[in-house]
Amino acid sequence: MIGNNIKRIMQHKGWSVNDLADDLGMTVQSLYRIFKKDSIESKHLVRIAEIFDIPIGTLFSDMLDKTYPYKSNKELEKELDEQAAEYHRVLKSNYDQIKYLEDQLSFYKEQAETFKILNQQLRETIKQGSLDQSPPEKDS
């Protein structure tokens, strides 16, 4: 699988076996052995991923035929940065909405408290007014 994936990536990126072997510091025969036996030293695995600018996991993927071309690390990083910026924008918007609603709630709580006080004062005024009133005088 690893060897086949390396070959597919090389073909897609236009690399020859000689080019990759030279960059890896190995012979073409050694590279062909990797293609055939699906084993590779970790230092070569890391270097191949660096050369092609892909995540190392790409080399192990059994989905390579279906999903290639894989995005480079730079492309993935750019996408992640864009997603992070979008999430930040959404979170900021949500924060602003929550802050607005908290302010509105605080305002309405203050209004309710004011109305409660005014209602109590009105009740007291009505109660006092009805107690202070003398019955109407009768004409004799």
Protein backbone atom coordinates (compact mmCIF):
# COMPACT_ATOMS: atom_id res chain seq x y z
CA MET A 1 0.00 0.00 0.00
CA ILE A 2 2.70 2.54 0.97
CA GLY A 3 4.72 1.81 -2.15
CA ASN A 4 1.69 2.11 -4.41
CA ASN A 5 0.67 5.35 -2.73
CA ILE A 6 4.14 6.80 -3.20
CA LYS A 7 4.02 5.85 -6.90
CA ARG A 8 0.58 7.45 -7.32
CA ILE A 9 1.71 10.64 -5.64
CA MET A 10 4.88 10.72 -7.75
CA GLN A 11 2.83 10.33 -10.92
CA HIS A 12 0.40 13.02 -9.85
CA LYS A 13 3.18 15.45 -9.01
CA GLY A 14 5.28 14.58 -12.04
CA TRP A 15 8.23 13.09 -10.20
CA SER A 16 10.48 10.39 -11.63
CA VAL A 17 11.87 7.50 -9.62
CA ASN A 18 15.36 8.96 -10.14
CA ASP A 19 14.26 12.34 -8.74
CA LEU A 20 12.77 10.84 -5.59
CA ALA A 21 15.66 8.42 -5.07
CA ASP A 22 18.14 11.31 -5.34
CA ASP A 23 16.17 13.45 -2.86
CA LEU A 24 16.00 10.53 -0.45
CA GLY A 25 19.69 9.75 -0.84
CA MET A 26 19.05 6.18 -1.94
CA THR A 27 19.47 4.18 -5.07
CA VAL A 28 16.68 3.66 -7.56
CA GLN A 29 16.82 -0.06 -6.72
CA SER A 30 16.22 0.70 -3.04
CA LEU A 31 13.24 2.83 -3.96
CA TYR A 32 11.84 0.03 -6.13
CA ARG A 33 12.17 -2.33 -3.14
CA ILE A 34 10.01 0.08 -1.12
CA PHE A 35 7.42 0.00 -3.92
CA LYS A 36 7.32 -3.80 -3.85
CA LYS A 37 7.40 -4.68 -0.16
CA ASP A 38 5.41 -1.87 1.43
CA SER A 39 7.92 -1.21 4.18
CA ILE A 40 9.99 1.88 4.62
CA GLU A 41 12.30 3.37 7.20
CA SER A 42 10.63 6.12 9.17
CA LYS A 43 13.26 8.69 8.16
CA HIS A 44 12.41 8.07 4.50
CA LEU A 45 8.70 8.17 5.24
CA VAL A 46 9.05 11.55 6.93
CA ARG A 47 11.24 12.85 4.12
CA ILE A 48 8.78 11.73 1.39
CA ALA A 49 5.94 13.49 3.21
CA GLU A 50 8.11 16.63 3.41
CA ILE A 51 9.12 16.43 -0.25
CA PHE A 52 5.53 16.14 -1.43
CA ASP A 53 4.24 18.48 1.29
CA ILE A 54 1.58 16.05 2.46
CA PRO A 55 0.56 14.60 5.84
CA ILE A 56 2.41 11.35 6.57
CA GLY A 57 -0.93 9.57 7.01
CA THR A 58 -1.57 10.08 3.30
CA LEU A 59 1.07 7.46 2.56
CA PHE A 60 -0.85 4.88 4.60
CA SER A 61 -4.28 5.68 3.24
CA ASP A 62 -6.22 2.90 1.55
CA MET A 63 -8.49 5.64 0.18
CA LEU A 64 -5.77 7.28 -1.91
CA ASP A 65 -7.33 6.27 -5.24
CA LYS A 66 -10.69 7.73 -4.24
CA THR A 67 -9.53 10.92 -2.59
CA TYR A 68 -6.29 11.92 -4.29
CA PRO A 69 -5.09 14.54 -4.96
CA TYR A 70 -4.56 15.16 -1.29
CA LYS A 71 -4.13 18.70 -0.21
CA SER A 72 -0.69 19.83 0.77
CA ASN A 73 0.11 20.73 4.33
CA LYS A 74 0.07 24.40 3.31
CA GLU A 75 -3.37 24.02 1.73
CA LEU A 76 -4.66 22.20 4.80
CA GLU A 77 -3.17 24.85 7.07
CA LYS A 78 -4.80 27.59 4.98
CA GLU A 79 -8.17 25.82 5.16
CA LEU A 80 -7.83 25.39 8.92
CA ASP A 81 -6.94 29.06 9.31
CA GLU A 82 -10.00 30.01 7.23
CA GLN A 83 -12.21 27.72 9.30
CA ALA A 84 -10.76 29.11 12.53
CA ALA A 85 -11.41 32.66 11.30
CA GLU A 86 -15.01 31.74 10.43
CA TYR A 87 -15.54 30.09 13.84
CA HIS A 88 -14.05 33.17 15.49
CA ARG A 89 -16.42 35.40 13.50
CA VAL A 90 -19.41 33.25 14.48
CA LEU A 91 -18.35 33.16 18.12
CA LYS A 92 -17.84 36.93 18.13
CA SER A 93 -21.27 37.40 16.59
CA ASN A 94 -22.81 35.06 19.16
CA TYR A 95 -20.95 36.84 21.95
CA ASP A 96 -22.24 40.19 20.69
CA GLN A 97 -25.79 38.82 20.57
CA ILE A 98 -25.50 37.39 24.07
CA LYS A 99 -24.09 40.67 25.36
CA TYR A 100 -26.97 42.57 23.72
CA LEU A 101 -29.53 40.17 25.26
CA GLU A 102 -27.88 40.44 28.68
CA ASP A 103 -28.06 44.24 28.42
CA GLN A 104 -31.72 44.03 27.41
CA LEU A 105 -32.45 41.65 30.29
CA SER A 106 -30.74 43.99 32.73
CA PHE A 107 -32.74 46.93 31.37
CA TYR A 108 -36.03 45.06 31.69
CA LYS A 109 -35.17 43.89 35.20
CA GLU A 110 -34.52 47.51 36.18
CA GLN A 111 -37.82 48.52 34.59
CA ALA A 112 -39.65 45.73 36.43
CA GLU A 113 -38.09 46.83 39.72
CA THR A 114 -39.08 50.45 39.03
CA PHE A 115 -42.65 49.42 38.21
CA LYS A 116 -42.75 47.30 41.35
CA ILE A 117 -41.70 50.29 43.47
CA LEU A 118 -44.15 52.60 41.71
CA ASN A 119 -46.93 50.07 42.12
CA GLN A 120 -46.17 49.78 45.83
CA GLN A 121 -46.14 53.57 46.20
CA LEU A 122 -49.42 53.83 44.31
CA ARG A 123 -51.02 51.23 46.58
CA GLU A 124 -49.81 53.08 49.64
CA THR A 125 -51.07 56.38 48.26
CA ILE A 126 -54.47 54.89 47.50
CA LYS A 127 -54.61 53.24 50.91
CA GLN A 128 -53.70 56.48 52.70
CA GLY A 129 -56.11 58.51 50.59
CA SER A 130 -59.00 56.28 51.41
CA LEU A 131 -58.17 56.34 55.14
CA ASP A 132 -57.72 60.13 55.26
CA GLN A 133 -60.97 60.84 53.56
CA SER A 134 -63.75 61.77 55.89
CA PRO A 135 -67.23 60.72 55.02
CA PRO A 136 -69.09 63.42 53.14
CA GLU A 137 -70.91 65.88 55.35
CA LYS A 138 -74.68 65.63 55.49
CA ASP A 139 -76.82 68.66 54.89
CA SER A 140 -79.05 69.41 57.84
